[in-house]
Amino acid sequence: MRVSAAVQLVLTPAARTGTSPYAGVGLAFAGVEGARGAGYLAMMLGVEAAPGRARGWYVELGLEGGVRVAAGLRWRRFSSAR
């Protein structure tokens, strides 16, 4: 099992085109049945496409007790007050 939570700072959060770099910090916990779990400080750097839009992609490099590489698609739902 691996659980993590982080706070991220996106450089240009309202950008509707292009990419925006971001950085984050948080905590992670890794555990396996029959062994003692471990907690880690989590740090990450990434690039997100059009963070001000509802859909986009991201690529991320992080450290959480080891090196972590992530890439994916994200969907968001913005409130109607926007």
PDB file of N, CA and C in Angstrom:
ATOM      1  N   MET A   1       0.846  -1.162   0.000  1.00  0.00           N
ATOM      2  CA  MET A   1       0.000   0.000   0.000  1.00  0.00           C
ATOM      3  C   MET A   1       0.898   1.234   0.000  1.00  0.00           C
ATOM      4  N   ARG A   2       0.519   2.231  -0.759  1.00  0.00           N
ATOM      5  CA  ARG A   2       1.219   3.518  -0.775  1.00  0.00           C
ATOM      6  C   ARG A   2       0.167   4.619  -0.771  1.00  0.00           C
ATOM      7  N   VAL A   3       0.317   5.553   0.147  1.00  0.00           N
ATOM      8  CA  VAL A   3      -0.598   6.682   0.270  1.00  0.00           C
ATOM      9  C   VAL A   3       0.246   7.949   0.321  1.00  0.00           C
ATOM     10  N   SER A   4      -0.174   8.961  -0.424  1.00  0.00           N
ATOM     11  CA  SER A   4       0.551  10.226  -0.355  1.00  0.00           C
ATOM     12  C   SER A   4      -0.421  11.389  -0.481  1.00  0.00           C
ATOM     13  N   ALA A   5      -0.031  12.508   0.098  1.00  0.00           N
ATOM     14  CA  ALA A   5      -0.804  13.749   0.012  1.00  0.00           C
ATOM     15  C   ALA A   5       0.197  14.879  -0.158  1.00  0.00           C
ATOM     16  N   ALA A   6      -0.113  15.811  -1.052  1.00  0.00           N
ATOM     17  CA  ALA A   6       0.825  16.897  -1.334  1.00  0.00           C
ATOM     18  C   ALA A   6       0.087  18.192  -1.618  1.00  0.00           C
ATOM     19  N   VAL A   7       0.779  19.278  -1.414  1.00  0.00           N
ATOM     20  CA  VAL A   7       0.321  20.612  -1.781  1.00  0.00           C
ATOM     21  C   VAL A   7       1.175  21.050  -2.954  1.00  0.00           C
ATOM     22  N   GLN A   8       0.528  21.544  -4.008  1.00  0.00           N
ATOM     23  CA  GLN A   8       1.268  21.936  -5.206  1.00  0.00           C
ATOM     24  C   GLN A   8       1.072  23.415  -5.491  1.00  0.00           C
ATOM     25  N   LEU A   9       2.124  24.040  -6.009  1.00  0.00           N
ATOM     26  CA  LEU A   9       2.091  25.426  -6.430  1.00  0.00           C
ATOM     27  C   LEU A   9       2.296  25.456  -7.936  1.00  0.00           C
ATOM     28  N   VAL A  10       1.246  25.828  -8.676  1.00  0.00           N
ATOM     29  CA  VAL A  10       1.303  25.929 -10.136  1.00  0.00           C
ATOM     30  C   VAL A  10       1.686  27.363 -10.471  1.00  0.00           C
ATOM     31  N   LEU A  11       2.701  27.542 -11.311  1.00  0.00           N
ATOM     32  CA  LEU A  11       3.219  28.875 -11.608  1.00  0.00           C
ATOM     33  C   LEU A  11       2.179  29.771 -12.286  1.00  0.00           C
ATOM     34  N   THR A  12       1.454  29.248 -13.276  1.00  0.00           N
ATOM     35  CA  THR A  12       0.398  30.018 -13.952  1.00  0.00           C
ATOM     36  C   THR A  12      -0.892  29.199 -13.948  1.00  0.00           C
ATOM     37  N   PRO A  13      -1.633  29.184 -12.837  1.00  0.00           N
ATOM     38  CA  PRO A  13      -2.790  28.304 -12.699  1.00  0.00           C
ATOM     39  C   PRO A  13      -3.961  28.620 -13.618  1.00  0.00           C
ATOM     40  N   ALA A  14      -4.075  29.831 -14.107  1.00  0.00           N
ATOM     41  CA  ALA A  14      -5.209  30.190 -14.962  1.00  0.00           C
ATOM     42  C   ALA A  14      -4.890  30.078 -16.449  1.00  0.00           C
ATOM     43  N   ALA A  15      -3.704  29.624 -16.808  1.00  0.00           N
ATOM     44  CA  ALA A  15      -3.314  29.520 -18.222  1.00  0.00           C
ATOM     45  C   ALA A  15      -4.225  28.543 -18.947  1.00  0.00           C
ATOM     46  N   ARG A  16      -4.825  29.004 -20.041  1.00  0.00           N
ATOM     47  CA  ARG A  16      -5.730  28.144 -20.807  1.00  0.00           C
ATOM     48  C   ARG A  16      -5.033  27.532 -22.015  1.00  0.00           C
ATOM     49  N   THR A  17      -3.803  27.964 -22.300  1.00  0.00           N
ATOM     50  CA  THR A  17      -2.993  27.390 -23.374  1.00  0.00           C
ATOM     51  C   THR A  17      -1.564  27.240 -22.871  1.00  0.00           C
ATOM     52  N   GLY A  18      -0.794  26.452 -23.564  1.00  0.00           N
ATOM     53  CA  GLY A  18       0.604  26.266 -23.193  1.00  0.00           C
ATOM     54  C   GLY A  18       0.775  25.367 -21.994  1.00  0.00           C
ATOM     55  N   THR A  19       1.970  25.405 -21.427  1.00  0.00           N
ATOM     56  CA  THR A  19       2.273  24.576 -20.265  1.00  0.00           C
ATOM     57  C   THR A  19       2.655  25.461 -19.086  1.00  0.00           C
ATOM     58  N   SER A  20       2.552  24.907 -17.899  1.00  0.00           N
ATOM     59  CA  SER A  20       2.928  25.619 -16.686  1.00  0.00           C
ATOM     60  C   SER A  20       3.690  24.674 -15.772  1.00  0.00           C
ATOM     61  N   PRO A  21       4.863  25.080 -15.293  1.00  0.00           N
ATOM     62  CA  PRO A  21       5.583  24.246 -14.330  1.00  0.00           C
ATOM     63  C   PRO A  21       4.927  24.322 -12.955  1.00  0.00           C
ATOM     64  N   TYR A  22       5.143  23.299 -12.157  1.00  0.00           N
ATOM     65  CA  TYR A  22       4.651  23.307 -10.780  1.00  0.00           C
ATOM     66  C   TYR A  22       5.631  22.570  -9.880  1.00  0.00           C
ATOM     67  N   ALA A  23       5.521  22.821  -8.597  1.00  0.00           N
ATOM     68  CA  ALA A  23       6.325  22.153  -7.579  1.00  0.00           C
ATOM     69  C   ALA A  23       5.402  21.772  -6.442  1.00  0.00           C
ATOM     70  N   GLY A  24       5.763  20.734  -5.728  1.00  0.00           N
ATOM     71  CA  GLY A  24       4.918  20.305  -4.625  1.00  0.00           C
ATOM     72  C   GLY A  24       5.726  19.669  -3.515  1.00  0.00           C
ATOM     73  N   VAL A  25       5.121  19.622  -2.336  1.00  0.00           N
ATOM     74  CA  VAL A  25       5.721  18.983  -1.174  1.00  0.00           C
ATOM     75  C   VAL A  25       4.602  18.334  -0.365  1.00  0.00           C
ATOM     76  N   GLY A  26       4.905  17.226   0.276  1.00  0.00           N
ATOM     77  CA  GLY A  26       3.886  16.537   1.053  1.00  0.00           C
ATOM     78  C   GLY A  26       4.467  15.382   1.835  1.00  0.00           C
ATOM     79  N   LEU A  27       3.605  14.446   2.191  1.00  0.00           N
ATOM     80  CA  LEU A  27       3.994  13.267   2.950  1.00  0.00           C
ATOM     81  C   LEU A  27       3.530  12.016   2.222  1.00  0.00           C
ATOM     82  N   ALA A  28       4.295  10.948   2.363  1.00  0.00           N
ATOM     83  CA  ALA A  28       3.933   9.663   1.762  1.00  0.00           C
ATOM     84  C   ALA A  28       4.160   8.556   2.798  1.00  0.00           C
ATOM     85  N   PHE A  29       3.378   7.496   2.703  1.00  0.00           N
ATOM     86  CA  PHE A  29       3.513   6.329   3.559  1.00  0.00           C
ATOM     87  C   PHE A  29       3.492   5.088   2.677  1.00  0.00           C
ATOM     88  N   ALA A  30       4.430   4.185   2.906  1.00  0.00           N
ATOM     89  CA  ALA A  30       4.474   2.923   2.166  1.00  0.00           C
ATOM     90  C   ALA A  30       4.483   1.784   3.173  1.00  0.00           C
ATOM     91  N   GLY A  31       3.666   0.785   2.933  1.00  0.00           N
ATOM     92  CA  GLY A  31       3.600  -0.356   3.831  1.00  0.00           C
ATOM     93  C   GLY A  31       3.234  -1.623   3.078  1.00  0.00           C
ATOM     94  N   VAL A  32       3.610  -2.742   3.642  1.00  0.00           N
ATOM     95  CA  VAL A  32       3.288  -4.042   3.068  1.00  0.00           C
ATOM     96  C   VAL A  32       2.892  -4.971   4.220  1.00  0.00           C
ATOM     97  N   GLU A  33       1.999  -5.881   3.962  1.00  0.00           N
ATOM     98  CA  GLU A  33       1.526  -6.793   5.002  1.00  0.00           C
ATOM     99  C   GLU A  33       2.693  -7.595   5.573  1.00  0.00           C
ATOM    100  N   GLY A  34       2.756  -7.666   6.893  1.00  0.00           N
ATOM    101  CA  GLY A  34       3.800  -8.438   7.549  1.00  0.00           C
ATOM    102  C   GLY A  34       5.117  -7.692   7.735  1.00  0.00           C
ATOM    103  N   ALA A  35       5.171  -6.430   7.368  1.00  0.00           N
ATOM    104  CA  ALA A  35       6.398  -5.641   7.533  1.00  0.00           C
ATOM    105  C   ALA A  35       6.033  -4.265   8.082  1.00  0.00           C
ATOM    106  N   ARG A  36       6.991  -3.640   8.699  1.00  0.00           N
ATOM    107  CA  ARG A  36       6.764  -2.306   9.248  1.00  0.00           C
ATOM    108  C   ARG A  36       6.737  -1.276   8.119  1.00  0.00           C
ATOM    109  N   GLY A  37       5.789  -0.347   8.155  1.00  0.00           N
ATOM    110  CA  GLY A  37       5.671   0.691   7.134  1.00  0.00           C
ATOM    111  C   GLY A  37       6.671   1.811   7.370  1.00  0.00           C
ATOM    112  N   ALA A  38       6.769   2.712   6.395  1.00  0.00           N
ATOM    113  CA  ALA A  38       7.707   3.833   6.494  1.00  0.00           C
ATOM    114  C   ALA A  38       7.049   5.100   5.962  1.00  0.00           C
ATOM    115  N   GLY A  39       7.355   6.216   6.605  1.00  0.00           N
ATOM    116  CA  GLY A  39       6.872   7.510   6.160  1.00  0.00           C
ATOM    117  C   GLY A  39       7.986   8.275   5.466  1.00  0.00           C
ATOM    118  N   TYR A  40       7.634   9.068   4.470  1.00  0.00           N
ATOM    119  CA  TYR A  40       8.613   9.808   3.680  1.00  0.00           C
ATOM    120  C   TYR A  40       8.141  11.230   3.439  1.00  0.00           C
ATOM    121  N   LEU A  41       9.105  12.128   3.278  1.00  0.00           N
ATOM    122  CA  LEU A  41       8.829  13.460   2.777  1.00  0.00           C
ATOM    123  C   LEU A  41       8.715  13.326   1.265  1.00  0.00           C
ATOM    124  N   ALA A  42       7.690  13.894   0.676  1.00  0.00           N
ATOM    125  CA  ALA A  42       7.472  13.805  -0.773  1.00  0.00           C
ATOM    126  C   ALA A  42       7.740  15.173  -1.395  1.00  0.00           C
ATOM    127  N   MET A  43       8.556  15.193  -2.439  1.00  0.00           N
ATOM    128  CA  MET A  43       8.830  16.419  -3.191  1.00  0.00           C
ATOM    129  C   MET A  43       8.664  16.116  -4.668  1.00  0.00           C
ATOM    130  N   MET A  44       8.125  17.069  -5.421  1.00  0.00           N
ATOM    131  CA  MET A  44       7.900  16.826  -6.840  1.00  0.00           C
ATOM    132  C   MET A  44       8.072  18.093  -7.660  1.00  0.00           C
ATOM    133  N   LEU A  45       8.447  17.914  -8.912  1.00  0.00           N
ATOM    134  CA  LEU A  45       8.499  18.956  -9.926  1.00  0.00           C
ATOM    135  C   LEU A  45       7.787  18.423 -11.146  1.00  0.00           C
ATOM    136  N   GLY A  46       7.019  19.271 -11.820  1.00  0.00           N
ATOM    137  CA  GLY A  46       6.287  18.791 -12.977  1.00  0.00           C
ATOM    138  C   GLY A  46       5.911  19.902 -13.926  1.00  0.00           C
ATOM    139  N   VAL A  47       5.332  19.484 -15.035  1.00  0.00           N
ATOM    140  CA  VAL A  47       4.812  20.382 -16.058  1.00  0.00           C
ATOM    141  C   VAL A  47       3.394  19.933 -16.361  1.00  0.00           C
ATOM    142  N   GLU A  48       2.478  20.901 -16.415  1.00  0.00           N
ATOM    143  CA  GLU A  48       1.069  20.609 -16.686  1.00  0.00           C
ATOM    144  C   GLU A  48       0.618  21.415 -17.896  1.00  0.00           C
ATOM    145  N   ALA A  49      -0.141  20.794 -18.770  1.00  0.00           N
ATOM    146  CA  ALA A  49      -0.665  21.484 -19.954  1.00  0.00           C
ATOM    147  C   ALA A  49      -1.965  22.192 -19.605  1.00  0.00           C
ATOM    148  N   ALA A  50      -2.045  23.477 -19.940  1.00  0.00           N
ATOM    149  CA  ALA A  50      -3.258  24.290 -19.798  1.00  0.00           C
ATOM    150  C   ALA A  50      -3.971  24.059 -18.463  1.00  0.00           C
ATOM    151  N   PRO A  51      -3.348  24.447 -17.334  1.00  0.00           N
ATOM    152  CA  PRO A  51      -3.979  24.197 -16.042  1.00  0.00           C
ATOM    153  C   PRO A  51      -5.314  24.915 -15.836  1.00  0.00           C
ATOM    154  N   GLY A  52      -5.611  25.939 -16.606  1.00  0.00           N
ATOM    155  CA  GLY A  52      -6.874  26.651 -16.479  1.00  0.00           C
ATOM    156  C   GLY A  52      -8.008  26.015 -17.263  1.00  0.00           C
ATOM    157  N   ARG A  53      -7.763  24.916 -17.922  1.00  0.00           N
ATOM    158  CA  ARG A  53      -8.801  24.209 -18.686  1.00  0.00           C
ATOM    159  C   ARG A  53      -9.236  22.958 -17.932  1.00  0.00           C
ATOM    160  N   ALA A  54     -10.341  22.401 -18.341  1.00  0.00           N
ATOM    161  CA  ALA A  54     -10.888  21.234 -17.655  1.00  0.00           C
ATOM    162  C   ALA A  54     -10.098  19.952 -17.917  1.00  0.00           C
ATOM    163  N   ARG A  55      -9.419  19.856 -19.064  1.00  0.00           N
ATOM    164  CA  ARG A  55      -8.650  18.643 -19.378  1.00  0.00           C
ATOM    165  C   ARG A  55      -7.233  19.013 -19.778  1.00  0.00           C
ATOM    166  N   GLY A  56      -6.301  18.112 -19.527  1.00  0.00           N
ATOM    167  CA  GLY A  56      -4.918  18.332 -19.915  1.00  0.00           C
ATOM    168  C   GLY A  56      -4.050  17.160 -19.506  1.00  0.00           C
ATOM    169  N   TRP A  57      -2.782  17.251 -19.795  1.00  0.00           N
ATOM    170  CA  TRP A  57      -1.834  16.202 -19.437  1.00  0.00           C
ATOM    171  C   TRP A  57      -0.820  16.763 -18.437  1.00  0.00           C
ATOM    172  N   TYR A  58      -0.070  15.859 -17.802  1.00  0.00           N
ATOM    173  CA  TYR A  58       0.986  16.285 -16.883  1.00  0.00           C
ATOM    174  C   TYR A  58       2.122  15.278 -16.925  1.00  0.00           C
ATOM    175  N   VAL A  59       3.322  15.745 -16.595  1.00  0.00           N
ATOM    176  CA  VAL A  59       4.517  14.913 -16.451  1.00  0.00           C
ATOM    177  C   VAL A  59       5.187  15.374 -15.171  1.00  0.00           C
ATOM    178  N   GLU A  60       5.613  14.420 -14.336  1.00  0.00           N
ATOM    179  CA  GLU A  60       6.096  14.760 -13.014  1.00  0.00           C
ATOM    180  C   GLU A  60       7.276  13.881 -12.613  1.00  0.00           C
ATOM    181  N   LEU A  61       8.227  14.465 -11.903  1.00  0.00           N
ATOM    182  CA  LEU A  61       9.360  13.752 -11.328  1.00  0.00           C
ATOM    183  C   LEU A  61       9.332  14.022  -9.832  1.00  0.00           C
ATOM    184  N   GLY A  62       9.415  12.969  -9.024  1.00  0.00           N
ATOM    185  CA  GLY A  62       9.305  13.167  -7.587  1.00  0.00           C
ATOM    186  C   GLY A  62      10.251  12.286  -6.798  1.00  0.00           C
ATOM    187  N   LEU A  63      10.421  12.634  -5.548  1.00  0.00           N
ATOM    188  CA  LEU A  63      11.186  11.847  -4.586  1.00  0.00           C
ATOM    189  C   LEU A  63      10.269  11.524  -3.421  1.00  0.00           C
ATOM    190  N   GLU A  64      10.085  10.225  -3.161  1.00  0.00           N
ATOM    191  CA  GLU A  64       9.255   9.754  -2.041  1.00  0.00           C
ATOM    192  C   GLU A  64       9.858   8.459  -1.527  1.00  0.00           C
ATOM    193  N   GLY A  65      11.019   8.517  -0.907  1.00  0.00           N
ATOM    194  CA  GLY A  65      11.694   7.300  -0.487  1.00  0.00           C
ATOM    195  C   GLY A  65      12.357   6.603  -1.663  1.00  0.00           C
ATOM    196  N   GLY A  66      12.404   7.233  -2.772  1.00  0.00           N
ATOM    197  CA  GLY A  66      12.957   6.757  -4.034  1.00  0.00           C
ATOM    198  C   GLY A  66      12.499   7.689  -5.133  1.00  0.00           C
ATOM    199  N   VAL A  67      12.994   7.485  -6.322  1.00  0.00           N
ATOM    200  CA  VAL A  67      12.609   8.336  -7.449  1.00  0.00           C
ATOM    201  C   VAL A  67      11.280   7.858  -8.015  1.00  0.00           C
ATOM    202  N   ARG A  68      10.394   8.802  -8.319  1.00  0.00           N
ATOM    203  CA  ARG A  68       9.085   8.470  -8.892  1.00  0.00           C
ATOM    204  C   ARG A  68       8.877   9.320 -10.139  1.00  0.00           C
ATOM    205  N   VAL A  69       8.480   8.691 -11.215  1.00  0.00           N
ATOM    206  CA  VAL A  69       8.150   9.370 -12.464  1.00  0.00           C
ATOM    207  C   VAL A  69       6.686   9.096 -12.753  1.00  0.00           C
ATOM    208  N   ALA A  70       5.940  10.147 -13.086  1.00  0.00           N
ATOM    209  CA  ALA A  70       4.516   9.983 -13.372  1.00  0.00           C
ATOM    210  C   ALA A  70       4.143  10.800 -14.600  1.00  0.00           C
ATOM    211  N   ALA A  71       3.214  10.289 -15.361  1.00  0.00           N
ATOM    212  CA  ALA A  71       2.658  10.995 -16.514  1.00  0.00           C
ATOM    213  C   ALA A  71       1.207  10.573 -16.633  1.00  0.00           C
ATOM    214  N   GLY A  72       0.364  11.478 -17.076  1.00  0.00           N
ATOM    215  CA  GLY A  72      -1.037  11.105 -17.201  1.00  0.00           C
ATOM    216  C   GLY A  72      -1.905  12.218 -17.734  1.00  0.00           C
ATOM    217  N   LEU A  73      -3.194  11.939 -17.727  1.00  0.00           N
ATOM    218  CA  LEU A  73      -4.220  12.887 -18.140  1.00  0.00           C
ATOM    219  C   LEU A  73      -5.023  13.272 -16.907  1.00  0.00           C
ATOM    220  N   ARG A  74      -5.496  14.496 -16.859  1.00  0.00           N
ATOM    221  CA  ARG A  74      -6.314  14.913 -15.730  1.00  0.00           C
ATOM    222  C   ARG A  74      -7.581  15.587 -16.233  1.00  0.00           C
ATOM    223  N   TRP A  75      -8.636  15.405 -15.443  1.00  0.00           N
ATOM    224  CA  TRP A  75      -9.930  16.048 -15.700  1.00  0.00           C
ATOM    225  C   TRP A  75     -10.309  16.803 -14.448  1.00  0.00           C
ATOM    226  N   ARG A  76     -10.793  18.014 -14.628  1.00  0.00           N
ATOM    227  CA  ARG A  76     -11.242  18.828 -13.504  1.00  0.00           C
ATOM    228  C   ARG A  76     -12.648  19.313 -13.763  1.00  0.00           C
ATOM    229  N   ARG A  77     -13.319  19.620 -12.690  1.00  0.00           N
ATOM    230  CA  ARG A  77     -14.628  20.228 -12.781  1.00  0.00           C
ATOM    231  C   ARG A  77     -14.564  21.560 -12.070  1.00  0.00           C
ATOM    232  N   PHE A  78     -14.728  22.652 -12.810  1.00  0.00           N
ATOM    233  CA  PHE A  78     -14.690  23.990 -12.234  1.00  0.00           C
ATOM    234  C   PHE A  78     -16.090  24.401 -11.810  1.00  0.00           C
ATOM    235  N   SER A  79     -16.169  25.231 -10.770  1.00  0.00           N
ATOM    236  CA  SER A  79     -17.465  25.711 -10.329  1.00  0.00           C
ATOM    237  C   SER A  79     -18.034  26.700 -11.361  1.00  0.00           C
ATOM    238  N   SER A  80     -19.325  26.893 -11.351  1.00  0.00           N
ATOM    239  CA  SER A  80     -19.969  27.781 -12.327  1.00  0.00           C
ATOM    240  C   SER A  80     -19.695  29.253 -12.045  1.00  0.00           C
ATOM    241  N   ALA A  81     -19.141  29.577 -10.879  1.00  0.00           N
ATOM    242  CA  ALA A  81     -18.834  30.969 -10.525  1.00  0.00           C
ATOM    243  C   ALA A  81     -17.615  31.479 -11.287  1.00  0.00           C
ATOM    244  N   ARG A  82     -16.942  30.634 -11.962  1.00  0.00           N
ATOM    245  CA  ARG A  82     -15.727  30.993 -12.664  1.00  0.00           C
ATOM    246  C   ARG A  82     -15.970  31.795 -13.883  1.00  0.00           C
TER     247      ARG A  82
END
